[in-house]
Amino acid sequence: LLSGPWPKQPMESHNLSSSSPLLSLPPSTLPASLPPSLPPLLSSTPSAFTTDLGAPGEALGSCLPASSHMVSAFLAPILGVEFVLGLLGNSLALFIFCFHTRPWTSNTVFLVSLVVADFLLIINLPLRVDYYFLHEHWRFGATICKLNLFMLSTNRSASVVFLTAIALNRYLKVVWPHHVLSQVSVWAAAKVAAGLWGSILLLNGHLLLAAYTDHSCLSYRLGAKPSASVRWHQALFLLEFFLPLALILFAIVSIGLTIWRRSLGGQAGPQRAVRMLAVVVAVYTVCFLPSVIFGLASMVAFRLRACHALAVCTQLFHGSLAFTYLNSVLDPVLYCFSSPSFLRQTRALLGLSQGWQGPASDESSYQPSARRWGTSRKAKATDKLREEVRLEGPLE
């Protein structure tokens, strides 16, 4: 499904590049000149995919979908708008988390990690806007291309990883409020986040080792005989979508069952957890599901050699990048649902409701504290003693 830039191979043809996990094909072995009777789809020079289906004679029957100027014309302005909105929203979020959120909690650590992941995308979007404005022509050289693709792929991985971490953190707070994992310190959460970042960088490091081939800044290939690097990129692309989605859905179901069993529907903490996880699922599916669907459809069409379907699916897949990059715009909305202090500070900075007050801590209402529980017991004991004194009458 996806891979990094590939080394040059004999008889290389042009390829369509993109900046988030896509499909790609090894270079085809087309003859030097194509018969004039071939349909335009096969005679187009810039293409979204190349094919390698065997001998040169077999290549004439393979699919070679052309890149679309319409897709480039669509992506260039859309990515420009996402850059502006993502920069404003995440700059505000980083300012609030760094200077106006006290004290930090484990949830804050994961939210800040998500902000950092979004900035990896934001600082690279102007290069992609220029790329699509020039109809998929890369003019910044090999090193910048590899860094661009690496940082964009890292953004996707980090986004799904820390969205999942936020969901599991809420799961622990509601379902296992007294477990040691639900009471980790900020320092422990920071070490967990650092470990996740290290793993993410290693998983995507192969993109920095790939060779730059031409002016299309390749990211993805789909082929009949993919290399070990391609197979790894394909597996990572699918795994980083379906596994986190399964964990997030598990957290939602578990929290819902816990609220029902313990009759916690009237408490603010569990209700906020459900709303936050609903937003996580919405962001997750809107941003990442389209590329997975169209990517898999392109693979199937390629294997079946359904050329028209492949051309349509690859263009839809390329256009779905607009949804993938939308995560940097939608994440600040998630912060408002996940952190009451973030919402309070945002409203105050924007002058919407300066007197509005929320919970002092993001996690204060997710579990009954020992102090609250002890206070409740003392109040009940006092009421019981007063009742006994009233029944017995005044002391002589």
Protein backbone atom coordinates (compact mmCIF):
# COMPACT_ATOMS: atom_id res chain seq x y z
CA LEU A 1 0.00 0.00 0.00
CA LEU A 2 2.66 2.49 0.83
CA SER A 3 6.35 2.89 0.70
CA GLY A 4 9.05 5.46 0.59
CA PRO A 5 10.96 6.71 -2.43
CA TRP A 6 12.59 3.99 -4.46
CA PRO A 7 15.97 3.65 -6.12
CA LYS A 8 16.19 4.09 -9.83
CA GLN A 9 15.51 1.07 -11.98
CA PRO A 10 15.96 0.48 -15.72
CA MET A 11 13.37 1.96 -18.04
CA GLU A 12 11.91 4.09 -15.25
CA SER A 13 8.71 6.00 -15.96
CA HIS A 14 7.23 9.03 -14.22
CA ASN A 15 5.28 8.48 -11.03
CA LEU A 16 2.73 10.43 -9.06
CA SER A 17 3.92 11.24 -5.59
CA SER A 18 2.04 12.12 -2.50
CA SER A 19 2.79 12.92 1.04
CA SER A 20 0.87 10.45 3.10
CA PRO A 21 0.84 6.65 2.88
CA LEU A 22 -0.27 5.83 -0.66
CA LEU A 23 -0.03 3.02 -3.14
CA SER A 24 2.68 2.67 -5.72
CA LEU A 25 4.03 0.40 -8.36
CA PRO A 26 7.54 -0.55 -9.44
CA PRO A 27 8.66 1.01 -12.74
CA SER A 28 7.27 -0.59 -15.86
CA THR A 29 9.20 -1.98 -18.76
CA LEU A 30 7.23 -0.30 -21.51
CA PRO A 31 8.70 -0.34 -25.02
CA ALA A 32 10.31 2.79 -26.38
CA SER A 33 7.28 3.73 -28.46
CA LEU A 34 3.64 2.87 -27.93
CA PRO A 35 1.29 1.98 -30.76
CA PRO A 36 -1.00 4.86 -31.73
CA SER A 37 -4.00 2.61 -31.16
CA LEU A 38 -3.42 2.51 -27.41
CA PRO A 39 -6.00 4.37 -25.35
CA PRO A 40 -4.94 7.70 -23.82
CA LEU A 41 -4.79 6.12 -20.36
CA LEU A 42 -1.81 4.00 -21.40
CA SER A 43 0.03 6.65 -23.36
CA SER A 44 0.01 9.33 -20.66
CA THR A 45 3.47 10.21 -19.44
CA PRO A 46 3.01 11.43 -15.83
CA SER A 47 1.25 8.68 -13.93
CA ALA A 48 0.00 7.87 -10.51
CA PHE A 49 1.39 4.36 -10.67
CA THR A 50 3.76 2.32 -12.77
CA THR A 51 3.47 -1.39 -13.32
CA ASP A 52 5.76 -4.36 -13.53
CA LEU A 53 3.71 -7.34 -14.59
CA GLY A 54 6.35 -9.35 -16.39
CA ALA A 55 7.85 -9.27 -19.84
CA PRO A 56 7.73 -6.18 -22.06
CA GLY A 57 4.96 -7.71 -24.10
CA GLU A 58 2.80 -8.09 -21.03
CA ALA A 59 3.23 -4.45 -20.07
CA LEU A 60 1.06 -3.39 -22.99
CA GLY A 61 -1.91 -4.96 -21.23
CA SER A 62 -1.16 -3.38 -17.88
CA CYS A 63 -2.75 -0.28 -16.37
CA LEU A 64 -0.93 3.03 -16.28
CA PRO A 65 -3.33 5.66 -14.87
CA ALA A 66 -2.30 9.21 -15.59
CA SER A 67 -1.92 11.89 -12.97
CA SER A 68 -4.78 14.34 -12.82
CA HIS A 69 -4.39 18.10 -13.10
CA MET A 70 -7.87 18.35 -11.61
CA VAL A 71 -6.69 16.59 -8.44
CA SER A 72 -3.69 18.93 -8.21
CA ALA A 73 -5.93 21.96 -8.75
CA PHE A 74 -8.16 20.69 -5.93
CA LEU A 75 -5.39 19.87 -3.46
CA ALA A 76 -3.30 23.03 -3.79
CA PRO A 77 -5.89 25.51 -2.39
CA ILE A 78 -7.36 23.01 0.09
CA LEU A 79 -3.96 22.29 1.63
CA GLY A 80 -3.29 26.02 1.74
CA VAL A 81 -6.43 26.61 3.81
CA GLU A 82 -5.59 23.66 6.07
CA PHE A 83 -2.12 25.11 6.62
CA VAL A 84 -3.51 28.47 7.77
CA LEU A 85 -6.21 26.98 10.03
CA GLY A 86 -3.91 24.30 11.43
CA LEU A 87 -1.17 26.85 12.19
CA LEU A 88 -3.58 29.16 14.03
CA GLY A 89 -5.34 26.42 15.99
CA ASN A 90 -2.23 24.53 17.05
CA SER A 91 -0.25 27.68 17.87
CA LEU A 92 -3.07 28.70 20.21
CA ALA A 93 -3.15 25.19 21.69
CA LEU A 94 0.61 25.11 22.30
CA PHE A 95 0.48 28.56 23.92
CA ILE A 96 -2.33 27.51 26.26
CA PHE A 97 -0.71 24.21 27.23
CA CYS A 98 2.68 25.78 27.87
CA PHE A 99 1.71 29.01 29.64
CA HIS A 100 -1.85 28.69 30.93
CA THR A 101 -2.39 25.04 31.91
CA ARG A 102 -1.46 24.31 35.51
CA PRO A 103 -1.03 21.72 36.78
CA TRP A 104 -0.19 19.36 33.93
CA THR A 105 -1.66 15.87 34.03
CA SER A 106 -0.90 12.66 32.12
CA ASN A 107 -3.65 13.65 29.70
CA THR A 108 -1.92 17.00 29.04
CA VAL A 109 1.30 15.20 28.11
CA PHE A 110 -0.44 13.20 25.40
CA LEU A 111 -2.31 16.25 24.13
CA VAL A 112 0.94 18.21 23.79
CA SER A 113 2.48 15.27 21.92
CA LEU A 114 -0.44 15.45 19.50
CA VAL A 115 0.21 19.17 19.01
CA VAL A 116 3.86 18.42 18.19
CA ALA A 117 2.73 15.78 15.67
CA ASP A 118 0.46 18.33 14.01
CA PHE A 119 3.33 20.80 13.66
CA LEU A 120 5.32 18.15 11.78
CA LEU A 121 2.55 18.28 9.20
CA ILE A 122 1.96 22.03 9.25
CA ILE A 123 5.56 23.05 8.54
CA ASN A 124 5.61 20.73 5.52
CA LEU A 125 2.30 21.71 3.95
CA PRO A 126 3.66 24.79 2.09
CA LEU A 127 6.03 22.49 0.19
CA ARG A 128 3.13 20.23 -0.79
CA VAL A 129 1.04 23.23 -1.84
CA ASP A 130 3.88 24.31 -4.13
CA TYR A 131 4.18 20.74 -5.42
CA TYR A 132 0.53 20.51 -6.43
CA PHE A 133 0.47 24.09 -7.70
CA LEU A 134 3.16 23.02 -10.19
CA HIS A 135 1.10 19.90 -11.08
CA GLU A 136 3.23 17.42 -9.13
CA HIS A 137 6.68 18.76 -9.94
CA TRP A 138 9.17 18.76 -7.03
CA ARG A 139 11.83 21.45 -7.20
CA PHE A 140 13.50 21.38 -3.76
CA GLY A 141 15.96 18.53 -4.23
CA ALA A 142 16.43 15.02 -2.90
CA THR A 143 17.24 15.76 0.75
CA ILE A 144 14.25 18.04 1.31
CA CYS A 145 12.01 15.52 -0.46
CA LYS A 146 13.05 12.69 1.84
CA LEU A 147 12.68 14.86 4.94
CA ASN A 148 9.28 16.04 3.73
CA LEU A 149 7.99 12.51 3.19
CA PHE A 150 9.48 11.29 6.47
CA MET A 151 7.88 14.06 8.53
CA LEU A 152 4.49 13.66 6.85
CA SER A 153 4.51 9.92 7.43
CA THR A 154 5.63 10.48 11.02
CA ASN A 155 2.71 12.87 11.51
CA ARG A 156 0.23 10.22 10.45
CA SER A 157 1.76 7.59 12.74
CA ALA A 158 2.05 9.95 15.70
CA SER A 159 -1.50 11.23 15.25
CA VAL A 160 -3.06 7.78 15.44
CA VAL A 161 -0.75 6.68 18.28
CA PHE A 162 -1.48 9.66 20.54
CA LEU A 163 -5.18 9.71 19.73
CA THR A 164 -5.18 6.11 20.94
CA ALA A 165 -3.14 7.02 24.03
CA ILE A 166 -5.66 9.75 24.93
CA ALA A 167 -8.54 7.29 24.53
CA LEU A 168 -6.86 4.60 26.66
CA ASN A 169 -5.99 7.18 29.31
CA ARG A 170 -9.69 8.06 29.60
CA TYR A 171 -10.55 4.35 29.68
CA LEU A 172 -8.28 3.82 32.69
CA LYS A 173 -9.65 6.89 34.51
CA VAL A 174 -13.24 5.70 34.24
CA VAL A 175 -13.07 1.89 34.23
CA TRP A 176 -10.06 1.36 36.52
CA PRO A 177 -9.89 4.58 38.60
CA HIS A 178 -7.85 3.00 41.43
CA HIS A 179 -5.43 1.07 39.22
CA VAL A 180 -1.79 2.13 39.39
CA LEU A 181 -1.79 2.91 35.65
CA SER A 182 -4.61 5.41 36.03
CA GLN A 183 -2.65 7.32 38.67
CA VAL A 184 0.67 7.70 36.86
CA SER A 185 2.59 10.90 37.39
CA VAL A 186 3.25 13.50 34.75
CA TRP A 187 6.89 12.41 34.63
CA ALA A 188 5.89 8.78 34.01
CA ALA A 189 3.49 9.86 31.26
CA ALA A 190 6.29 11.93 29.69
CA LYS A 191 8.55 8.87 29.63
CA VAL A 192 5.78 6.85 27.97
CA ALA A 193 5.32 9.61 25.36
CA ALA A 194 9.08 9.71 24.73
CA GLY A 195 9.11 5.95 24.19
CA LEU A 196 6.23 6.21 21.75
CA TRP A 197 8.02 8.98 19.83
CA GLY A 198 11.16 6.88 19.59
CA SER A 199 9.18 3.93 18.22
CA ILE A 200 7.38 6.14 15.70
CA LEU A 201 10.63 7.60 14.38
CA LEU A 202 12.18 4.15 14.02
CA LEU A 203 9.12 2.74 12.23
CA ASN A 204 9.27 5.51 9.62
CA GLY A 205 13.06 5.82 9.40
CA HIS A 206 13.26 3.81 6.18
CA LEU A 207 11.92 6.84 4.29
CA LEU A 208 15.17 8.69 5.05
CA LEU A 209 17.23 5.89 3.51
CA ALA A 210 15.38 5.62 0.21
CA ALA A 211 16.81 7.12 -2.96
CA TYR A 212 15.30 10.12 -4.71
CA THR A 213 14.49 9.27 -8.32
CA ASP A 214 13.01 12.22 -10.22
CA HIS A 215 11.04 15.44 -9.80
CA SER A 216 7.89 13.79 -8.45
CA CYS A 217 9.07 13.18 -4.83
CA LEU A 218 7.74 9.63 -4.62
CA SER A 219 6.19 8.20 -1.51
CA TYR A 220 4.26 5.08 -2.43
CA ARG A 221 4.40 2.12 -4.75
CA LEU A 222 2.24 -0.88 -5.48
CA GLY A 223 3.78 -3.77 -7.39
CA ALA A 224 3.53 -7.42 -8.27
CA LYS A 225 6.88 -8.11 -6.55
CA PRO A 226 7.27 -5.59 -3.73
CA SER A 227 10.51 -5.43 -1.77
CA ALA A 228 10.82 -5.98 1.97
CA SER A 229 10.66 -2.20 2.49
CA VAL A 230 7.42 -1.97 0.52
CA ARG A 231 5.87 -4.87 2.43
CA TRP A 232 6.81 -3.22 5.71
CA HIS A 233 5.30 0.09 4.67
CA GLN A 234 2.12 -1.67 3.55
CA ALA A 235 1.83 -3.54 6.85
CA LEU A 236 2.47 -0.38 8.86
CA PHE A 237 -0.12 1.57 6.88
CA LEU A 238 -2.83 -0.99 7.63
CA LEU A 239 -1.74 -1.78 11.17
CA GLU A 240 -1.59 1.84 12.30
CA PHE A 241 -5.19 2.32 11.21
CA PHE A 242 -7.02 -0.85 12.22
CA LEU A 243 -5.26 -1.65 15.51
CA PRO A 244 -5.70 1.83 17.07
CA LEU A 245 -9.30 1.96 15.82
CA ALA A 246 -10.01 -1.37 17.55
CA LEU A 247 -8.48 -0.07 20.80
CA ILE A 248 -10.47 3.17 20.67
CA LEU A 249 -13.74 1.32 20.06
CA PHE A 250 -12.90 -1.04 22.92
CA ALA A 251 -12.39 1.97 25.21
CA ILE A 252 -15.74 3.48 24.21
CA VAL A 253 -17.67 0.24 24.77
CA SER A 254 -15.94 -0.40 28.12
CA ILE A 255 -16.64 3.12 29.38
CA GLY A 256 -20.28 2.88 28.29
CA LEU A 257 -20.75 -0.43 30.11
CA THR A 258 -19.03 0.94 33.22
CA ILE A 259 -21.27 3.99 33.30
CA TRP A 260 -24.34 1.78 32.97
CA ARG A 261 -23.26 -0.76 35.64
CA ARG A 262 -22.16 1.83 38.18
CA SER A 263 -24.94 4.33 37.45
CA LEU A 264 -22.41 7.08 36.70
CA GLY A 265 -24.52 8.79 34.07
CA GLY A 266 -25.03 11.86 36.24
CA GLN A 267 -21.31 12.49 36.83
CA ALA A 268 -19.47 15.03 34.71
CA GLY A 269 -16.23 13.05 34.33
CA PRO A 270 -17.65 9.91 32.67
CA GLN A 271 -19.93 11.99 30.47
CA ARG A 272 -16.98 14.08 29.31
CA ALA A 273 -15.00 10.91 28.62
CA VAL A 274 -17.75 9.60 26.34
CA ARG A 275 -18.00 12.91 24.47
CA MET A 276 -14.24 13.09 24.07
CA LEU A 277 -14.00 9.54 22.71
CA ALA A 278 -16.84 10.24 20.29
CA VAL A 279 -14.82 13.20 18.96
CA VAL A 280 -11.71 10.99 18.73
CA VAL A 281 -13.59 8.44 16.61
CA ALA A 282 -15.01 11.20 14.40
CA VAL A 283 -11.57 12.77 13.80
CA TYR A 284 -10.01 9.37 13.26
CA THR A 285 -12.52 8.13 10.69
CA VAL A 286 -12.91 11.42 8.80
CA CYS A 287 -9.15 11.92 8.45
CA PHE A 288 -7.81 8.41 7.87
CA LEU A 289 -10.61 6.14 6.66
CA PRO A 290 -10.93 7.59 3.11
CA SER A 291 -7.28 6.93 2.25
CA VAL A 292 -7.54 3.37 3.55
CA ILE A 293 -10.71 2.63 1.56
CA PHE A 294 -9.44 4.09 -1.73
CA GLY A 295 -5.99 2.62 -1.20
CA LEU A 296 -7.36 -0.89 -0.79
CA ALA A 297 -9.70 -0.36 -3.73
CA SER A 298 -6.73 0.67 -5.88
CA MET A 299 -4.87 -2.47 -4.89
CA VAL A 300 -7.81 -4.66 -5.86
CA ALA A 301 -8.30 -2.84 -9.16
CA PHE A 302 -4.60 -3.20 -9.96
CA ARG A 303 -4.59 -6.92 -9.23
CA LEU A 304 -7.68 -7.38 -11.41
CA ARG A 305 -6.15 -5.14 -14.12
CA ALA A 306 -9.34 -3.08 -14.16
CA CYS A 307 -7.72 -0.03 -15.73
CA HIS A 308 -10.68 2.36 -15.59
CA ALA A 309 -11.45 1.46 -11.96
CA LEU A 310 -7.77 1.83 -11.08
CA ALA A 311 -7.63 5.31 -12.64
CA VAL A 312 -10.70 6.42 -10.68
CA CYS A 313 -9.56 4.86 -7.39
CA THR A 314 -6.05 6.30 -7.56
CA GLN A 315 -7.38 9.78 -8.20
CA LEU A 316 -9.84 9.44 -5.32
CA PHE A 317 -7.03 8.11 -3.17
CA HIS A 318 -4.83 11.06 -4.05
CA GLY A 319 -7.68 13.48 -3.36
CA SER A 320 -8.26 11.85 0.04
CA LEU A 321 -4.99 13.44 1.19
CA ALA A 322 -7.07 16.55 1.87
CA PHE A 323 -8.87 14.54 4.58
CA THR A 324 -5.64 13.07 5.95
CA TYR A 325 -4.11 16.52 6.45
CA LEU A 326 -7.36 17.79 7.97
CA ASN A 327 -6.35 16.18 11.28
CA SER A 328 -4.18 19.19 12.14
CA VAL A 329 -7.27 21.41 11.87
CA LEU A 330 -9.63 19.15 13.84
CA ASP A 331 -7.31 18.25 16.71
CA PRO A 332 -7.75 21.62 18.50
CA VAL A 333 -11.48 20.83 18.63
CA LEU A 334 -10.59 17.57 20.35
CA TYR A 335 -8.56 19.46 22.96
CA CYS A 336 -11.66 21.44 23.96
CA PHE A 337 -13.57 18.21 24.63
CA SER A 338 -10.67 16.49 26.33
CA SER A 339 -9.42 19.22 28.67
CA PRO A 340 -11.78 21.51 30.63
CA SER A 341 -8.91 23.85 31.46
CA PHE A 342 -8.05 24.16 27.76
CA LEU A 343 -11.63 25.11 26.94
CA ARG A 344 -11.70 27.62 29.80
CA GLN A 345 -8.45 29.25 28.73
CA THR A 346 -9.48 29.34 25.08
CA ARG A 347 -12.74 31.09 25.88
CA ALA A 348 -10.90 33.56 28.10
CA LEU A 349 -8.21 34.37 25.52
CA LEU A 350 -10.82 34.85 22.81
CA GLY A 351 -12.88 37.08 25.14
CA LEU A 352 -15.96 34.85 24.89
CA SER A 353 -16.65 34.30 28.59
CA GLN A 354 -13.97 35.60 30.90
CA GLY A 355 -15.90 34.72 34.01
CA TRP A 356 -16.57 31.12 33.06
CA GLN A 357 -14.98 28.64 35.41
CA GLY A 358 -14.49 24.94 34.90
CA PRO A 359 -12.87 22.15 36.87
CA ALA A 360 -9.47 23.05 38.21
CA SER A 361 -8.03 19.76 36.99
CA ASP A 362 -8.68 17.78 33.85
CA GLU A 363 -8.92 14.58 35.81
CA SER A 364 -10.51 15.74 39.05
CA SER A 365 -13.94 14.37 38.29
CA TYR A 366 -12.99 11.03 36.72
CA GLN A 367 -12.65 9.14 39.94
CA PRO A 368 -13.86 9.51 43.53
CA SER A 369 -10.88 10.64 45.59
CA ALA A 370 -10.12 9.21 49.00
CA ARG A 371 -10.83 12.62 50.57
CA ARG A 372 -14.28 12.79 48.99
CA TRP A 373 -15.04 9.23 49.99
CA GLY A 374 -13.91 9.89 53.56
CA THR A 375 -15.91 13.10 53.78
CA SER A 376 -18.99 11.28 52.57
CA ARG A 377 -18.58 8.58 55.22
CA LYS A 378 -18.13 11.17 57.97
CA ALA A 379 -21.26 13.00 56.86
CA LYS A 380 -23.29 9.81 56.91
CA ALA A 381 -21.98 8.88 60.38
CA THR A 382 -22.82 12.35 61.71
CA ASP A 383 -26.36 12.18 60.33
CA LYS A 384 -26.84 8.74 61.86
CA LEU A 385 -25.63 9.94 65.29
CA ARG A 386 -27.97 12.94 65.18
CA GLU A 387 -30.86 10.67 64.33
CA GLU A 388 -30.08 8.38 67.28
CA VAL A 389 -29.87 11.34 69.66
CA ARG A 390 -33.20 12.69 68.43
CA LEU A 391 -34.92 9.34 68.99
CA GLU A 392 -33.50 8.84 72.45
CA GLY A 393 -34.51 12.28 73.63
CA PRO A 394 -32.47 14.80 75.64
CA LEU A 395 -29.85 13.48 78.01
CA GLU A 396 -30.61 13.78 81.72
